[in-house]
Amino acid sequence: MNRTMVASILTLGVWASMGHAVLAQTASTPEEANLRTAQQSLDTDSTGRSTVSRTEALATQFKVESQVVENLRTTK
């Protein structure tokens, strides 16, 4: 059950990220362009996090062991 819930939430996160990327590409005003630049900067910063810290954050959030999150990542 926990694995299904964590996998579902991870899938929703990826889906939401893809939606934001599409919205960012449609910027037409200078304010929107500035927001897009800021978003890309934040995305770059967040990708610099280590896999271990992301795993620990997810495990803490969903109250599961870190190994559960790692197993979900490696399972296809």
C-alpha atoms as a PDB file:
ATOM      1  CA  MET A   1       0.000   0.000   0.000  1.00  0.00           C
ATOM      2  CA  ASN A   2       2.771   2.426   0.945  1.00  0.00           C
ATOM      3  CA  ARG A   3       4.644   1.652  -2.247  1.00  0.00           C
ATOM      4  CA  THR A   4       1.569   2.313  -4.344  1.00  0.00           C
ATOM      5  CA  MET A   5       0.930   5.611  -2.596  1.00  0.00           C
ATOM      6  CA  VAL A   6       4.529   6.805  -2.948  1.00  0.00           C
ATOM      7  CA  ALA A   7       4.656   5.725  -6.594  1.00  0.00           C
ATOM      8  CA  SER A   8       1.388   7.531  -7.302  1.00  0.00           C
ATOM      9  CA  ILE A   9       2.605  10.731  -5.706  1.00  0.00           C
ATOM     10  CA  LEU A  10       5.924  10.570  -7.568  1.00  0.00           C
ATOM     11  CA  THR A  11       4.029  10.067 -10.822  1.00  0.00           C
ATOM     12  CA  LEU A  12       1.797  13.051 -10.107  1.00  0.00           C
ATOM     13  CA  GLY A  13       4.876  15.151  -9.368  1.00  0.00           C
ATOM     14  CA  VAL A  14       6.438  14.272 -12.717  1.00  0.00           C
ATOM     15  CA  TRP A  15       3.160  14.958 -14.494  1.00  0.00           C
ATOM     16  CA  ALA A  16       2.832  18.352 -12.798  1.00  0.00           C
ATOM     17  CA  SER A  17       6.429  19.230 -13.694  1.00  0.00           C
ATOM     18  CA  MET A  18       5.738  18.485 -17.355  1.00  0.00           C
ATOM     19  CA  GLY A  19       2.676  20.731 -17.222  1.00  0.00           C
ATOM     20  CA  HIS A  20       4.709  23.590 -15.786  1.00  0.00           C
ATOM     21  CA  ALA A  21       7.294  23.206 -18.542  1.00  0.00           C
ATOM     22  CA  VAL A  22       4.600  23.578 -21.211  1.00  0.00           C
ATOM     23  CA  LEU A  23       3.170  26.668 -19.506  1.00  0.00           C
ATOM     24  CA  ALA A  24       6.624  28.239 -19.217  1.00  0.00           C
ATOM     25  CA  GLN A  25       7.191  27.903 -22.962  1.00  0.00           C
ATOM     26  CA  THR A  26       4.124  30.004 -23.787  1.00  0.00           C
ATOM     27  CA  ALA A  27       5.359  33.233 -22.127  1.00  0.00           C
ATOM     28  CA  SER A  28       4.522  36.323 -24.175  1.00  0.00           C
ATOM     29  CA  THR A  29       5.085  39.314 -21.884  1.00  0.00           C
ATOM     30  CA  PRO A  30       8.323  40.531 -20.268  1.00  0.00           C
ATOM     31  CA  GLU A  31       6.963  39.671 -16.812  1.00  0.00           C
ATOM     32  CA  GLU A  32       6.227  36.132 -17.902  1.00  0.00           C
ATOM     33  CA  ALA A  33       9.690  35.866 -19.444  1.00  0.00           C
ATOM     34  CA  ASN A  34      11.221  36.994 -16.135  1.00  0.00           C
ATOM     35  CA  LEU A  35       9.135  34.447 -14.264  1.00  0.00           C
ATOM     36  CA  ARG A  36      10.238  31.730 -16.682  1.00  0.00           C
ATOM     37  CA  THR A  37      13.881  32.672 -16.113  1.00  0.00           C
ATOM     38  CA  ALA A  38      13.383  32.568 -12.346  1.00  0.00           C
ATOM     39  CA  GLN A  39      11.658  29.187 -12.616  1.00  0.00           C
ATOM     40  CA  GLN A  40      14.488  27.764 -14.691  1.00  0.00           C
ATOM     41  CA  SER A  41      16.984  29.037 -12.127  1.00  0.00           C
ATOM     42  CA  LEU A  42      15.064  27.368  -9.308  1.00  0.00           C
ATOM     43  CA  ASP A  43      14.791  24.152 -11.322  1.00  0.00           C
ATOM     44  CA  THR A  44      18.545  24.178 -11.865  1.00  0.00           C
ATOM     45  CA  ASP A  45      19.138  24.698  -8.145  1.00  0.00           C
ATOM     46  CA  SER A  46      16.813  21.859  -7.191  1.00  0.00           C
ATOM     47  CA  THR A  47      18.450  19.421  -9.614  1.00  0.00           C
ATOM     48  CA  GLY A  48      21.724  20.029  -7.820  1.00  0.00           C
ATOM     49  CA  ARG A  49      20.417  18.250  -4.718  1.00  0.00           C
ATOM     50  CA  SER A  50      21.840  14.857  -4.009  1.00  0.00           C
ATOM     51  CA  THR A  51      19.736  11.778  -4.514  1.00  0.00           C
ATOM     52  CA  VAL A  52      20.259  10.883  -0.865  1.00  0.00           C
ATOM     53  CA  SER A  53      18.722  14.129   0.402  1.00  0.00           C
ATOM     54  CA  ARG A  54      15.745  13.736  -1.944  1.00  0.00           C
ATOM     55  CA  THR A  55      15.279  10.152  -0.815  1.00  0.00           C
ATOM     56  CA  GLU A  56      15.394  11.151   2.842  1.00  0.00           C
ATOM     57  CA  ALA A  57      12.953  14.012   2.259  1.00  0.00           C
ATOM     58  CA  LEU A  58      10.450  11.723   0.540  1.00  0.00           C
ATOM     59  CA  ALA A  59      10.853   9.033   3.186  1.00  0.00           C
ATOM     60  CA  THR A  60      10.221  11.568   5.931  1.00  0.00           C
ATOM     61  CA  GLN A  61       7.243  13.078   4.136  1.00  0.00           C
ATOM     62  CA  PHE A  62       5.514   9.729   3.595  1.00  0.00           C
ATOM     63  CA  LYS A  63       6.716   8.198   6.880  1.00  0.00           C
ATOM     64  CA  VAL A  64       8.449   5.247   5.274  1.00  0.00           C
ATOM     65  CA  GLU A  65      12.031   4.016   5.393  1.00  0.00           C
ATOM     66  CA  SER A  66      14.533   5.443   2.906  1.00  0.00           C
ATOM     67  CA  GLN A  67      14.984   1.964   1.446  1.00  0.00           C
ATOM     68  CA  VAL A  68      11.313   1.919   0.355  1.00  0.00           C
ATOM     69  CA  VAL A  69      11.844   5.084  -1.694  1.00  0.00           C
ATOM     70  CA  GLU A  70      15.073   3.696  -3.191  1.00  0.00           C
ATOM     71  CA  ASN A  71      13.323   0.444  -4.139  1.00  0.00           C
ATOM     72  CA  LEU A  72      10.544   2.380  -5.871  1.00  0.00           C
ATOM     73  CA  ARG A  73      13.111   4.349  -7.854  1.00  0.00           C
ATOM     74  CA  THR A  74      14.981   1.267  -9.017  1.00  0.00           C
ATOM     75  CA  THR A  75      11.875  -0.810  -9.782  1.00  0.00           C
ATOM     76  CA  LYS A  76      10.550  -0.428 -13.298  1.00  0.00           C
END
